[in-house]
Amino acid sequence: MELDHSYVSNHVPQEFVQLVSYFYSDAKTIEEFWHMTQIAAYKYNSENETDQMQKIAIEAFKQLIRKLKSTKAVRNPIAYFYGVLQNKFMRRFYDELDGEYGVLPGSMANDSWIHSMFMAYYEDKL
């Protein structure tokens, strides 16, 4: 028995529930999308910033829907959503490091292995 979006736990922000429920009405699925947000946020030390988590989750979900509507390449929407979340949280994490400590990506020496890895990763993403 599936429960609709009105049964989503109240720990999931209502704005996120409203957006996701247009595409996925099952409460369990909506909660799974939010759970992926919590996991990605925790990995990049942002789990206590609920407003920022919600903003990033909404952006990532919109990106997922855009991808689903434009191609058939997404086999597992929740996994794709998690990948988008990871990229967004990682970018935010490194932007904060750069702002706070003046590191990554531009201020590091070009021969630094971290800089090389960072730049190689983002060349495809940007």
PDB file of N, CA and C in Angstrom:
ATOM      1  N   MET A   1       0.839  -1.187   0.000  1.00  0.00           N
ATOM      2  CA  MET A   1       0.000   0.000   0.000  1.00  0.00           C
ATOM      3  C   MET A   1       0.881   1.246   0.000  1.00  0.00           C
ATOM      4  N   GLU A   2       0.700   2.081  -0.984  1.00  0.00           N
ATOM      5  CA  GLU A   2       1.465   3.312  -1.089  1.00  0.00           C
ATOM      6  C   GLU A   2       0.718   4.445  -0.388  1.00  0.00           C
ATOM      7  N   LEU A   3       1.483   5.262   0.312  1.00  0.00           N
ATOM      8  CA  LEU A   3       0.931   6.447   0.946  1.00  0.00           C
ATOM      9  C   LEU A   3       1.305   7.656   0.095  1.00  0.00           C
ATOM     10  N   ASP A   4       0.373   8.581  -0.066  1.00  0.00           N
ATOM     11  CA  ASP A   4       0.669   9.742  -0.907  1.00  0.00           C
ATOM     12  C   ASP A   4       1.530  10.760  -0.167  1.00  0.00           C
ATOM     13  N   HIS A   5       1.853  11.853  -0.858  1.00  0.00           N
ATOM     14  CA  HIS A   5       2.779  12.858  -0.327  1.00  0.00           C
ATOM     15  C   HIS A   5       2.322  13.506   0.972  1.00  0.00           C
ATOM     16  N   SER A   6       1.057  13.438   1.277  1.00  0.00           N
ATOM     17  CA  SER A   6       0.568  14.045   2.525  1.00  0.00           C
ATOM     18  C   SER A   6       1.032  13.258   3.750  1.00  0.00           C
ATOM     19  N   TYR A   7       1.587  12.075   3.555  1.00  0.00           N
ATOM     20  CA  TYR A   7       2.086  11.245   4.655  1.00  0.00           C
ATOM     21  C   TYR A   7       3.609  11.317   4.821  1.00  0.00           C
ATOM     22  N   VAL A   8       4.238  12.212   4.115  1.00  0.00           N
ATOM     23  CA  VAL A   8       5.692  12.368   4.244  1.00  0.00           C
ATOM     24  C   VAL A   8       6.010  12.879   5.644  1.00  0.00           C
ATOM     25  N   SER A   9       7.067  12.344   6.218  1.00  0.00           N
ATOM     26  CA  SER A   9       7.504  12.757   7.550  1.00  0.00           C
ATOM     27  C   SER A   9       7.726  14.262   7.596  1.00  0.00           C
ATOM     28  N   ASN A  10       7.438  14.854   8.747  1.00  0.00           N
ATOM     29  CA  ASN A  10       7.586  16.303   8.847  1.00  0.00           C
ATOM     30  C   ASN A  10       9.036  16.756   9.002  1.00  0.00           C
ATOM     31  N   HIS A  11      10.003  15.840   8.983  1.00  0.00           N
ATOM     32  CA  HIS A  11      11.407  16.271   8.971  1.00  0.00           C
ATOM     33  C   HIS A  11      11.862  16.648   7.552  1.00  0.00           C
ATOM     34  N   VAL A  12      11.047  16.339   6.552  1.00  0.00           N
ATOM     35  CA  VAL A  12      11.338  16.719   5.174  1.00  0.00           C
ATOM     36  C   VAL A  12      10.711  18.098   4.933  1.00  0.00           C
ATOM     37  N   PRO A  13      11.494  19.083   4.475  1.00  0.00           N
ATOM     38  CA  PRO A  13      10.947  20.424   4.252  1.00  0.00           C
ATOM     39  C   PRO A  13       9.759  20.418   3.291  1.00  0.00           C
ATOM     40  N   GLN A  14       8.755  21.178   3.643  1.00  0.00           N
ATOM     41  CA  GLN A  14       7.503  21.192   2.886  1.00  0.00           C
ATOM     42  C   GLN A  14       7.702  21.674   1.450  1.00  0.00           C
ATOM     43  N   GLU A  15       8.553  22.655   1.246  1.00  0.00           N
ATOM     44  CA  GLU A  15       8.795  23.148  -0.113  1.00  0.00           C
ATOM     45  C   GLU A  15       9.369  22.049  -1.003  1.00  0.00           C
ATOM     46  N   PHE A  16      10.263  21.245  -0.444  1.00  0.00           N
ATOM     47  CA  PHE A  16      10.834  20.119  -1.185  1.00  0.00           C
ATOM     48  C   PHE A  16       9.755  19.082  -1.487  1.00  0.00           C
ATOM     49  N   VAL A  17       8.919  18.783  -0.501  1.00  0.00           N
ATOM     50  CA  VAL A  17       7.830  17.817  -0.688  1.00  0.00           C
ATOM     51  C   VAL A  17       6.896  18.279  -1.799  1.00  0.00           C
ATOM     52  N   GLN A  18       6.556  19.549  -1.793  1.00  0.00           N
ATOM     53  CA  GLN A  18       5.633  20.071  -2.810  1.00  0.00           C
ATOM     54  C   GLN A  18       6.206  19.913  -4.214  1.00  0.00           C
ATOM     55  N   LEU A  19       7.491  20.209  -4.373  1.00  0.00           N
ATOM     56  CA  LEU A  19       8.104  20.073  -5.693  1.00  0.00           C
ATOM     57  C   LEU A  19       8.162  18.620  -6.137  1.00  0.00           C
ATOM     58  N   VAL A  20       8.695  17.761  -5.292  1.00  0.00           N
ATOM     59  CA  VAL A  20       8.882  16.358  -5.661  1.00  0.00           C
ATOM     60  C   VAL A  20       7.541  15.657  -5.883  1.00  0.00           C
ATOM     61  N   SER A  21       6.522  16.043  -5.121  1.00  0.00           N
ATOM     62  CA  SER A  21       5.226  15.368  -5.223  1.00  0.00           C
ATOM     63  C   SER A  21       4.551  15.574  -6.579  1.00  0.00           C
ATOM     64  N   TYR A  22       4.965  16.581  -7.345  1.00  0.00           N
ATOM     65  CA  TYR A  22       4.433  16.743  -8.700  1.00  0.00           C
ATOM     66  C   TYR A  22       4.851  15.589  -9.595  1.00  0.00           C
ATOM     67  N   PHE A  23       5.997  14.992  -9.296  1.00  0.00           N
ATOM     68  CA  PHE A  23       6.557  13.947 -10.142  1.00  0.00           C
ATOM     69  C   PHE A  23       6.522  12.565  -9.494  1.00  0.00           C
ATOM     70  N   TYR A  24       6.621  12.521  -8.175  1.00  0.00           N
ATOM     71  CA  TYR A  24       6.596  11.271  -7.410  1.00  0.00           C
ATOM     72  C   TYR A  24       5.649  11.469  -6.236  1.00  0.00           C
ATOM     73  N   SER A  25       4.502  10.800  -6.266  1.00  0.00           N
ATOM     74  CA  SER A  25       3.506  11.038  -5.227  1.00  0.00           C
ATOM     75  C   SER A  25       3.684  10.151  -3.995  1.00  0.00           C
ATOM     76  N   ASP A  26       4.469   9.092  -4.102  1.00  0.00           N
ATOM     77  CA  ASP A  26       4.661   8.148  -2.996  1.00  0.00           C
ATOM     78  C   ASP A  26       5.510   8.774  -1.889  1.00  0.00           C
ATOM     79  N   ALA A  27       5.018   8.727  -0.659  1.00  0.00           N
ATOM     80  CA  ALA A  27       5.711   9.322   0.486  1.00  0.00           C
ATOM     81  C   ALA A  27       7.091   8.698   0.686  1.00  0.00           C
ATOM     82  N   LYS A  28       7.188   7.402   0.521  1.00  0.00           N
ATOM     83  CA  LYS A  28       8.469   6.717   0.727  1.00  0.00           C
ATOM     84  C   LYS A  28       9.521   7.194  -0.283  1.00  0.00           C
ATOM     85  N   THR A  29       9.127   7.396  -1.517  1.00  0.00           N
ATOM     86  CA  THR A  29      10.044   7.864  -2.555  1.00  0.00           C
ATOM     87  C   THR A  29      10.512   9.283  -2.258  1.00  0.00           C
ATOM     88  N   ILE A  30       9.592  10.142  -1.849  1.00  0.00           N
ATOM     89  CA  ILE A  30       9.943  11.523  -1.512  1.00  0.00           C
ATOM     90  C   ILE A  30      10.932  11.534  -0.348  1.00  0.00           C
ATOM     91  N   GLU A  31      10.665  10.708   0.650  1.00  0.00           N
ATOM     92  CA  GLU A  31      11.576  10.627   1.795  1.00  0.00           C
ATOM     93  C   GLU A  31      12.930  10.077   1.390  1.00  0.00           C
ATOM     94  N   GLU A  32      12.979   9.176   0.427  1.00  0.00           N
ATOM     95  CA  GLU A  32      14.256   8.636  -0.056  1.00  0.00           C
ATOM     96  C   GLU A  32      15.066   9.720  -0.762  1.00  0.00           C
ATOM     97  N   PHE A  33      14.407  10.570  -1.549  1.00  0.00           N
ATOM     98  CA  PHE A  33      15.112  11.691  -2.177  1.00  0.00           C
ATOM     99  C   PHE A  33      15.715  12.599  -1.100  1.00  0.00           C
ATOM    100  N   TRP A  34      14.953  12.886  -0.058  1.00  0.00           N
ATOM    101  CA  TRP A  34      15.470  13.745   1.009  1.00  0.00           C
ATOM    102  C   TRP A  34      16.602  13.049   1.774  1.00  0.00           C
ATOM    103  N   HIS A  35      16.487  11.769   1.960  1.00  0.00           N
ATOM    104  CA  HIS A  35      17.535  11.016   2.647  1.00  0.00           C
ATOM    105  C   HIS A  35      18.858  11.104   1.873  1.00  0.00           C
ATOM    106  N   MET A  36      18.794  11.040   0.559  1.00  0.00           N
ATOM    107  CA  MET A  36      19.993  11.196  -0.260  1.00  0.00           C
ATOM    108  C   MET A  36      20.593  12.593  -0.059  1.00  0.00           C
ATOM    109  N   THR A  37      19.731  13.586   0.101  1.00  0.00           N
ATOM    110  CA  THR A  37      20.197  14.949   0.373  1.00  0.00           C
ATOM    111  C   THR A  37      20.950  14.995   1.698  1.00  0.00           C
ATOM    112  N   GLN A  38      20.404  14.340   2.710  1.00  0.00           N
ATOM    113  CA  GLN A  38      21.050  14.324   4.018  1.00  0.00           C
ATOM    114  C   GLN A  38      22.407  13.626   3.969  1.00  0.00           C
ATOM    115  N   ILE A  39      22.499  12.549   3.234  1.00  0.00           N
ATOM    116  CA  ILE A  39      23.761  11.811   3.118  1.00  0.00           C
ATOM    117  C   ILE A  39      24.814  12.676   2.430  1.00  0.00           C
ATOM    118  N   ALA A  40      24.445  13.294   1.310  1.00  0.00           N
ATOM    119  CA  ALA A  40      25.397  14.137   0.578  1.00  0.00           C
ATOM    120  C   ALA A  40      25.812  15.346   1.414  1.00  0.00           C
ATOM    121  N   ALA A  41      24.871  15.943   2.121  1.00  0.00           N
ATOM    122  CA  ALA A  41      25.179  17.100   2.963  1.00  0.00           C
ATOM    123  C   ALA A  41      26.133  16.711   4.084  1.00  0.00           C
ATOM    124  N   TYR A  42      25.916  15.567   4.678  1.00  0.00           N
ATOM    125  CA  TYR A  42      26.777  15.092   5.764  1.00  0.00           C
ATOM    126  C   TYR A  42      28.207  14.874   5.270  1.00  0.00           C
ATOM    127  N   LYS A  43      28.315  14.318   4.083  1.00  0.00           N
ATOM    128  CA  LYS A  43      29.632  14.034   3.522  1.00  0.00           C
ATOM    129  C   LYS A  43      30.459  15.305   3.349  1.00  0.00           C
ATOM    130  N   TYR A  44      29.795  16.427   3.095  1.00  0.00           N
ATOM    131  CA  TYR A  44      30.483  17.694   2.888  1.00  0.00           C
ATOM    132  C   TYR A  44      30.216  18.693   4.013  1.00  0.00           C
ATOM    133  N   ASN A  45      29.936  18.162   5.205  1.00  0.00           N
ATOM    134  CA  ASN A  45      29.848  18.951   6.430  1.00  0.00           C
ATOM    135  C   ASN A  45      28.794  20.060   6.359  1.00  0.00           C
ATOM    136  N   SER A  46      27.654  19.776   5.758  1.00  0.00           N
ATOM    137  CA  SER A  46      26.588  20.766   5.611  1.00  0.00           C
ATOM    138  C   SER A  46      25.265  20.293   6.191  1.00  0.00           C
ATOM    139  N   GLU A  47      25.296  19.225   6.980  1.00  0.00           N
ATOM    140  CA  GLU A  47      24.054  18.614   7.454  1.00  0.00           C
ATOM    141  C   GLU A  47      23.250  19.491   8.410  1.00  0.00           C
ATOM    142  N   ASN A  48      23.862  20.507   9.002  1.00  0.00           N
ATOM    143  CA  ASN A  48      23.142  21.374   9.936  1.00  0.00           C
ATOM    144  C   ASN A  48      22.606  22.631   9.277  1.00  0.00           C
ATOM    145  N   GLU A  49      22.823  22.777   7.994  1.00  0.00           N
ATOM    146  CA  GLU A  49      22.382  23.958   7.251  1.00  0.00           C
ATOM    147  C   GLU A  49      21.146  23.596   6.421  1.00  0.00           C
ATOM    148  N   THR A  50      20.024  23.471   7.093  1.00  0.00           N
ATOM    149  CA  THR A  50      18.800  22.973   6.457  1.00  0.00           C
ATOM    150  C   THR A  50      18.351  23.823   5.276  1.00  0.00           C
ATOM    151  N   ASP A  51      18.420  25.136   5.408  1.00  0.00           N
ATOM    152  CA  ASP A  51      17.996  25.998   4.294  1.00  0.00           C
ATOM    153  C   ASP A  51      18.870  25.783   3.067  1.00  0.00           C
ATOM    154  N   GLN A  52      20.175  25.680   3.292  1.00  0.00           N
ATOM    155  CA  GLN A  52      21.102  25.447   2.185  1.00  0.00           C
ATOM    156  C   GLN A  52      20.875  24.054   1.596  1.00  0.00           C
ATOM    157  N   MET A  53      20.645  23.061   2.449  1.00  0.00           N
ATOM    158  CA  MET A  53      20.357  21.702   1.972  1.00  0.00           C
ATOM    159  C   MET A  53      19.127  21.709   1.076  1.00  0.00           C
ATOM    160  N   GLN A  54      18.091  22.394   1.525  1.00  0.00           N
ATOM    161  CA  GLN A  54      16.849  22.438   0.762  1.00  0.00           C
ATOM    162  C   GLN A  54      17.065  23.119  -0.579  1.00  0.00           C
ATOM    163  N   LYS A  55      17.786  24.227  -0.582  1.00  0.00           N
ATOM    164  CA  LYS A  55      18.054  24.949  -1.828  1.00  0.00           C
ATOM    165  C   LYS A  55      18.805  24.055  -2.817  1.00  0.00           C
ATOM    166  N   ILE A  56      19.847  23.390  -2.337  1.00  0.00           N
ATOM    167  CA  ILE A  56      20.640  22.517  -3.209  1.00  0.00           C
ATOM    168  C   ILE A  56      19.807  21.325  -3.674  1.00  0.00           C
ATOM    169  N   ALA A  57      18.998  20.760  -2.786  1.00  0.00           N
ATOM    170  CA  ALA A  57      18.152  19.615  -3.146  1.00  0.00           C
ATOM    171  C   ALA A  57      17.147  19.997  -4.227  1.00  0.00           C
ATOM    172  N   ILE A  58      16.573  21.173  -4.124  1.00  0.00           N
ATOM    173  CA  ILE A  58      15.612  21.627  -5.128  1.00  0.00           C
ATOM    174  C   ILE A  58      16.306  21.838  -6.473  1.00  0.00           C
ATOM    175  N   GLU A  59      17.485  22.451  -6.454  1.00  0.00           N
ATOM    176  CA  GLU A  59      18.253  22.630  -7.696  1.00  0.00           C
ATOM    177  C   GLU A  59      18.586  21.278  -8.324  1.00  0.00           C
ATOM    178  N   ALA A  60      19.034  20.338  -7.492  1.00  0.00           N
ATOM    179  CA  ALA A  60      19.405  19.009  -7.992  1.00  0.00           C
ATOM    180  C   ALA A  60      18.192  18.272  -8.545  1.00  0.00           C
ATOM    181  N   PHE A  61      17.055  18.403  -7.873  1.00  0.00           N
ATOM    182  CA  PHE A  61      15.849  17.718  -8.343  1.00  0.00           C
ATOM    183  C   PHE A  61      15.398  18.297  -9.682  1.00  0.00           C
ATOM    184  N   LYS A  62      15.468  19.603  -9.822  1.00  0.00           N
ATOM    185  CA  LYS A  62      15.107  20.222 -11.100  1.00  0.00           C
ATOM    186  C   LYS A  62      16.037  19.751 -12.210  1.00  0.00           C
ATOM    187  N   GLN A  63      17.315  19.593 -11.880  1.00  0.00           N
ATOM    188  CA  GLN A  63      18.273  19.087 -12.866  1.00  0.00           C
ATOM    189  C   GLN A  63      17.919  17.649 -13.249  1.00  0.00           C
ATOM    190  N   LEU A  64      17.532  16.840 -12.269  1.00  0.00           N
ATOM    191  CA  LEU A  64      17.100  15.463 -12.538  1.00  0.00           C
ATOM    192  C   LEU A  64      15.906  15.449 -13.486  1.00  0.00           C
ATOM    193  N   ILE A  65      14.910  16.254 -13.199  1.00  0.00           N
ATOM    194  CA  ILE A  65      13.698  16.278 -14.036  1.00  0.00           C
ATOM    195  C   ILE A  65      14.038  16.722 -15.453  1.00  0.00           C
ATOM    196  N   ARG A  66      14.896  17.733 -15.572  1.00  0.00           N
ATOM    197  CA  ARG A  66      15.335  18.182 -16.893  1.00  0.00           C
ATOM    198  C   ARG A  66      15.978  17.032 -17.660  1.00  0.00           C
ATOM    199  N   LYS A  67      16.827  16.267 -16.978  1.00  0.00           N
ATOM    200  CA  LYS A  67      17.507  15.130 -17.606  1.00  0.00           C
ATOM    201  C   LYS A  67      16.501  14.037 -17.986  1.00  0.00           C
ATOM    202  N   LEU A  68      15.571  13.746 -17.086  1.00  0.00           N
ATOM    203  CA  LEU A  68      14.557  12.715 -17.368  1.00  0.00           C
ATOM    204  C   LEU A  68      13.688  13.088 -18.570  1.00  0.00           C
ATOM    205  N   LYS A  69      13.368  14.373 -18.691  1.00  0.00           N
ATOM    206  CA  LYS A  69      12.501  14.823 -19.784  1.00  0.00           C
ATOM    207  C   LYS A  69      13.238  14.888 -21.122  1.00  0.00           C
ATOM    208  N   SER A  70      14.562  15.075 -21.073  1.00  0.00           N
ATOM    209  CA  SER A  70      15.300  15.260 -22.316  1.00  0.00           C
ATOM    210  C   SER A  70      15.958  13.991 -22.858  1.00  0.00           C
ATOM    211  N   THR A  71      16.080  12.953 -22.013  1.00  0.00           N
ATOM    212  CA  THR A  71      16.762  11.745 -22.459  1.00  0.00           C
ATOM    213  C   THR A  71      16.252  10.537 -21.681  1.00  0.00           C
ATOM    214  N   LYS A  72      16.572   9.376 -22.194  1.00  0.00           N
ATOM    215  CA  LYS A  72      16.210   8.126 -21.521  1.00  0.00           C
ATOM    216  C   LYS A  72      17.412   7.524 -20.793  1.00  0.00           C
ATOM    217  N   ALA A  73      18.488   8.290 -20.643  1.00  0.00           N
ATOM    218  CA  ALA A  73      19.750   7.778 -20.122  1.00  0.00           C
ATOM    219  C   ALA A  73      19.752   7.525 -18.609  1.00  0.00           C
ATOM    220  N   VAL A  74      18.750   8.000 -17.893  1.00  0.00           N
ATOM    221  CA  VAL A  74      18.717   7.844 -16.439  1.00  0.00           C
ATOM    222  C   VAL A  74      17.971   6.559 -16.092  1.00  0.00           C
ATOM    223  N   ARG A  75      18.729   5.577 -15.587  1.00  0.00           N
ATOM    224  CA  ARG A  75      18.104   4.301 -15.209  1.00  0.00           C
ATOM    225  C   ARG A  75      17.577   4.319 -13.782  1.00  0.00           C
ATOM    226  N   ASN A  76      18.295   5.017 -12.916  1.00  0.00           N
ATOM    227  CA  ASN A  76      17.912   5.077 -11.507  1.00  0.00           C
ATOM    228  C   ASN A  76      17.863   6.546 -11.087  1.00  0.00           C
ATOM    229  N   PRO A  77      16.674   7.158 -11.066  1.00  0.00           N
ATOM    230  CA  PRO A  77      16.561   8.588 -10.761  1.00  0.00           C
ATOM    231  C   PRO A  77      17.136   8.979  -9.396  1.00  0.00           C
ATOM    232  N   ILE A  78      16.975   8.140  -8.400  1.00  0.00           N
ATOM    233  CA  ILE A  78      17.486   8.485  -7.070  1.00  0.00           C
ATOM    234  C   ILE A  78      19.013   8.494  -7.080  1.00  0.00           C
ATOM    235  N   ALA A  79      19.631   7.552  -7.765  1.00  0.00           N
ATOM    236  CA  ALA A  79      21.090   7.522  -7.874  1.00  0.00           C
ATOM    237  C   ALA A  79      21.596   8.728  -8.666  1.00  0.00           C
ATOM    238  N   TYR A  80      20.916   9.079  -9.737  1.00  0.00           N
ATOM    239  CA  TYR A  80      21.308  10.252 -10.519  1.00  0.00           C
ATOM    240  C   TYR A  80      21.201  11.509  -9.669  1.00  0.00           C
ATOM    241  N   PHE A  81      20.096  11.625  -8.937  1.00  0.00           N
ATOM    242  CA  PHE A  81      19.873  12.756  -8.025  1.00  0.00           C
ATOM    243  C   PHE A  81      21.006  12.851  -7.012  1.00  0.00           C
ATOM    244  N   TYR A  82      21.411  11.718  -6.443  1.00  0.00           N
ATOM    245  CA  TYR A  82      22.492  11.701  -5.467  1.00  0.00           C
ATOM    246  C   TYR A  82      23.808  12.180  -6.097  1.00  0.00           C
ATOM    247  N   GLY A  83      24.072  11.768  -7.315  1.00  0.00           N
ATOM    248  CA  GLY A  83      25.273  12.222  -8.003  1.00  0.00           C
ATOM    249  C   GLY A  83      25.288  13.726  -8.215  1.00  0.00           C
ATOM    250  N   VAL A  84      24.149  14.272  -8.598  1.00  0.00           N
ATOM    251  CA  VAL A  84      24.041  15.725  -8.774  1.00  0.00           C
ATOM    252  C   VAL A  84      24.247  16.426  -7.434  1.00  0.00           C
ATOM    253  N   LEU A  85      23.626  15.889  -6.383  1.00  0.00           N
ATOM    254  CA  LEU A  85      23.795  16.461  -5.043  1.00  0.00           C
ATOM    255  C   LEU A  85      25.263  16.473  -4.628  1.00  0.00           C
ATOM    256  N   GLN A  86      25.946  15.351  -4.831  1.00  0.00           N
ATOM    257  CA  GLN A  86      27.355  15.272  -4.455  1.00  0.00           C
ATOM    258  C   GLN A  86      28.169  16.343  -5.168  1.00  0.00           C
ATOM    259  N   ASN A  87      27.936  16.513  -6.448  1.00  0.00           N
ATOM    260  CA  ASN A  87      28.666  17.530  -7.210  1.00  0.00           C
ATOM    261  C   ASN A  87      28.390  18.930  -6.667  1.00  0.00           C
ATOM    262  N   LYS A  88      27.130  19.214  -6.359  1.00  0.00           N
ATOM    263  CA  LYS A  88      26.768  20.538  -5.860  1.00  0.00           C
ATOM    264  C   LYS A  88      27.346  20.789  -4.468  1.00  0.00           C
ATOM    265  N   PHE A  89      27.253  19.807  -3.576  1.00  0.00           N
ATOM    266  CA  PHE A  89      27.803  19.985  -2.233  1.00  0.00           C
ATOM    267  C   PHE A  89      29.328  20.073  -2.273  1.00  0.00           C
ATOM    268  N   MET A  90      29.958  19.299  -3.135  1.00  0.00           N
ATOM    269  CA  MET A  90      31.414  19.345  -3.243  1.00  0.00           C
ATOM    270  C   MET A  90      31.858  20.720  -3.748  1.00  0.00           C
ATOM    271  N   ARG A  91      31.189  21.200  -4.756  1.00  0.00           N
ATOM    272  CA  ARG A  91      31.539  22.525  -5.295  1.00  0.00           C
ATOM    273  C   ARG A  91      31.380  23.590  -4.215  1.00  0.00           C
ATOM    274  N   ARG A  92      30.281  23.531  -3.474  1.00  0.00           N
ATOM    275  CA  ARG A  92      30.043  24.489  -2.392  1.00  0.00           C
ATOM    276  C   ARG A  92      31.137  24.376  -1.327  1.00  0.00           C
ATOM    277  N   PHE A  93      31.508  23.159  -0.974  1.00  0.00           N
ATOM    278  CA  PHE A  93      32.534  22.911   0.035  1.00  0.00           C
ATOM    279  C   PHE A  93      33.865  23.538  -0.388  1.00  0.00           C
ATOM    280  N   TYR A  94      34.276  23.292  -1.625  1.00  0.00           N
ATOM    281  CA  TYR A  94      35.539  23.837  -2.099  1.00  0.00           C
ATOM    282  C   TYR A  94      35.478  25.346  -2.295  1.00  0.00           C
ATOM    283  N   ASP A  95      34.335  25.877  -2.686  1.00  0.00           N
ATOM    284  CA  ASP A  95      34.180  27.332  -2.780  1.00  0.00           C
ATOM    285  C   ASP A  95      34.330  27.980  -1.404  1.00  0.00           C
ATOM    286  N   GLU A  96      33.777  27.344  -0.371  1.00  0.00           N
ATOM    287  CA  GLU A  96      33.922  27.865   0.984  1.00  0.00           C
ATOM    288  C   GLU A  96      35.370  27.799   1.447  1.00  0.00           C
ATOM    289  N   LEU A  97      36.056  26.705   1.125  1.00  0.00           N
ATOM    290  CA  LEU A  97      37.480  26.607   1.470  1.00  0.00           C
ATOM    291  C   LEU A  97      38.271  27.718   0.805  1.00  0.00           C
ATOM    292  N   ASP A  98      37.984  27.959  -0.443  1.00  0.00           N
ATOM    293  CA  ASP A  98      38.682  29.003  -1.174  1.00  0.00           C
ATOM    294  C   ASP A  98      38.404  30.366  -0.551  1.00  0.00           C
ATOM    295  N   GLY A  99      37.141  30.623  -0.202  1.00  0.00           N
ATOM    296  CA  GLY A  99      36.784  31.901   0.400  1.00  0.00           C
ATOM    297  C   GLY A  99      37.384  32.102   1.777  1.00  0.00           C
ATOM    298  N   GLU A 100      37.424  31.048   2.557  1.00  0.00           N
ATOM    299  CA  GLU A 100      37.892  31.155   3.936  1.00  0.00           C
ATOM    300  C   GLU A 100      39.409  31.094   4.055  1.00  0.00           C
ATOM    301  N   TYR A 101      40.034  30.198   3.288  1.00  0.00           N
ATOM    302  CA  TYR A 101      41.466  29.963   3.446  1.00  0.00           C
ATOM    303  C   TYR A 101      42.291  30.347   2.222  1.00  0.00           C
ATOM    304  N   GLY A 102      41.622  30.742   1.158  1.00  0.00           N
ATOM    305  CA  GLY A 102      42.351  31.109  -0.045  1.00  0.00           C
ATOM    306  C   GLY A 102      42.992  29.930  -0.751  1.00  0.00           C
ATOM    307  N   VAL A 103      42.350  28.767  -0.668  1.00  0.00           N
ATOM    308  CA  VAL A 103      42.872  27.585  -1.364  1.00  0.00           C
ATOM    309  C   VAL A 103      41.814  27.061  -2.311  1.00  0.00           C
ATOM    310  N   LEU A 104      42.243  26.353  -3.306  1.00  0.00           N
ATOM    311  CA  LEU A 104      41.394  25.688  -4.296  1.00  0.00           C
ATOM    312  C   LEU A 104      40.460  26.644  -5.000  1.00  0.00           C
ATOM    313  N   PRO A 105      40.354  26.605  -6.250  1.00  0.00           N
ATOM    314  CA  PRO A 105      41.314  25.968  -7.121  1.00  0.00           C
ATOM    315  C   PRO A 105      42.412  26.919  -7.565  1.00  0.00           C
ATOM    316  N   GLY A 106      42.120  28.218  -7.699  1.00  0.00           N
ATOM    317  CA  GLY A 106      43.045  29.136  -8.346  1.00  0.00           C
ATOM    318  C   GLY A 106      44.314  29.443  -7.580  1.00  0.00           C
ATOM    319  N   SER A 107      44.277  29.433  -6.263  1.00  0.00           N
ATOM    320  CA  SER A 107      45.449  29.867  -5.505  1.00  0.00           C
ATOM    321  C   SER A 107      46.474  28.763  -5.290  1.00  0.00           C
ATOM    322  N   MET A 108      46.161  27.550  -5.695  1.00  0.00           N
ATOM    323  CA  MET A 108      47.106  26.451  -5.518  1.00  0.00           C
ATOM    324  C   MET A 108      48.091  26.421  -6.675  1.00  0.00           C
ATOM    325  N   ALA A 109      49.284  25.965  -6.400  1.00  0.00           N
ATOM    326  CA  ALA A 109      50.289  25.846  -7.459  1.00  0.00           C
ATOM    327  C   ALA A 109      49.799  24.863  -8.512  1.00  0.00           C
ATOM    328  N   ASN A 110      50.076  25.155  -9.762  1.00  0.00           N
ATOM    329  CA  ASN A 110      49.593  24.304 -10.849  1.00  0.00           C
ATOM    330  C   ASN A 110      50.150  22.890 -10.805  1.00  0.00           C
ATOM    331  N   ASP A 111      51.290  22.679 -10.139  1.00  0.00           N
ATOM    332  CA  ASP A 111      51.845  21.336 -10.077  1.00  0.00           C
ATOM    333  C   ASP A 111      51.307  20.540  -8.891  1.00  0.00           C
ATOM    334  N   SER A 112      50.420  21.101  -8.123  1.00  0.00           N
ATOM    335  CA  SER A 112      49.830  20.398  -6.985  1.00  0.00           C
ATOM    336  C   SER A 112      48.920  19.277  -7.488  1.00  0.00           C
ATOM    337  N   TRP A 113      49.029  18.099  -6.899  1.00  0.00           N
ATOM    338  CA  TRP A 113      48.200  16.965  -7.329  1.00  0.00           C
ATOM    339  C   TRP A 113      46.735  17.203  -6.995  1.00  0.00           C
ATOM    340  N   ILE A 114      46.448  17.908  -5.923  1.00  0.00           N
ATOM    341  CA  ILE A 114      45.050  18.200  -5.574  1.00  0.00           C
ATOM    342  C   ILE A 114      44.456  19.131  -6.619  1.00  0.00           C
ATOM    343  N   HIS A 115      45.204  20.153  -6.974  1.00  0.00           N
ATOM    344  CA  HIS A 115      44.731  21.093  -7.985  1.00  0.00           C
ATOM    345  C   HIS A 115      44.467  20.367  -9.298  1.00  0.00           C
ATOM    346  N   SER A 116      45.362  19.489  -9.679  1.00  0.00           N
ATOM    347  CA  SER A 116      45.211  18.741 -10.930  1.00  0.00           C
ATOM    348  C   SER A 116      43.960  17.878 -10.910  1.00  0.00           C
ATOM    349  N   MET A 117      43.755  17.190  -9.799  1.00  0.00           N
ATOM    350  CA  MET A 117      42.564  16.341  -9.683  1.00  0.00           C
ATOM    351  C   MET A 117      41.300  17.184  -9.698  1.00  0.00           C
ATOM    352  N   PHE A 118      41.315  18.279  -8.965  1.00  0.00           N
ATOM    353  CA  PHE A 118      40.151  19.157  -8.887  1.00  0.00           C
ATOM    354  C   PHE A 118      39.798  19.706 -10.262  1.00  0.00           C
ATOM    355  N   MET A 119      40.800  20.198 -10.966  1.00  0.00           N
ATOM    356  CA  MET A 119      40.565  20.784 -12.273  1.00  0.00           C
ATOM    357  C   MET A 119      40.112  19.738 -13.294  1.00  0.00           C
ATOM    358  N   ALA A 120      40.703  18.551 -13.248  1.00  0.00           N
ATOM    359  CA  ALA A 120      40.310  17.478 -14.166  1.00  0.00           C
ATOM    360  C   ALA A 120      38.858  17.099 -13.937  1.00  0.00           C
ATOM    361  N   TYR A 121      38.460  17.054 -12.690  1.00  0.00           N
ATOM    362  CA  TYR A 121      37.082  16.680 -12.354  1.00  0.00           C
ATOM    363  C   TYR A 121      36.107  17.718 -12.864  1.00  0.00           C
ATOM    364  N   TYR A 122      36.409  18.990 -12.658  1.00  0.00           N
ATOM    365  CA  TYR A 122      35.465  20.051 -13.011  1.00  0.00           C
ATOM    366  C   TYR A 122      35.501  20.449 -14.472  1.00  0.00           C
ATOM    367  N   GLU A 123      36.513  20.083 -15.210  1.00  0.00           N
ATOM    368  CA  GLU A 123      36.528  20.396 -16.636  1.00  0.00           C
ATOM    369  C   GLU A 123      35.323  19.774 -17.322  1.00  0.00           C
ATOM    370  N   ASP A 124      34.959  18.570 -16.920  1.00  0.00           N
ATOM    371  CA  ASP A 124      33.810  17.887 -17.523  1.00  0.00           C
ATOM    372  C   ASP A 124      32.492  18.415 -16.987  1.00  0.00           C
ATOM    373  N   LYS A 125      32.488  18.945 -15.774  1.00  0.00           N
ATOM    374  CA  LYS A 125      31.236  19.344 -15.122  1.00  0.00           C
ATOM    375  C   LYS A 125      30.809  20.762 -15.455  1.00  0.00           C
ATOM    376  N   LEU A 126      31.740  21.596 -15.823  1.00  0.00           N
ATOM    377  CA  LEU A 126      31.401  23.004 -16.043  1.00  0.00           C
ATOM    378  C   LEU A 126      31.140  23.333 -17.471  1.00  0.00           C
TER     379      LEU A 126
END
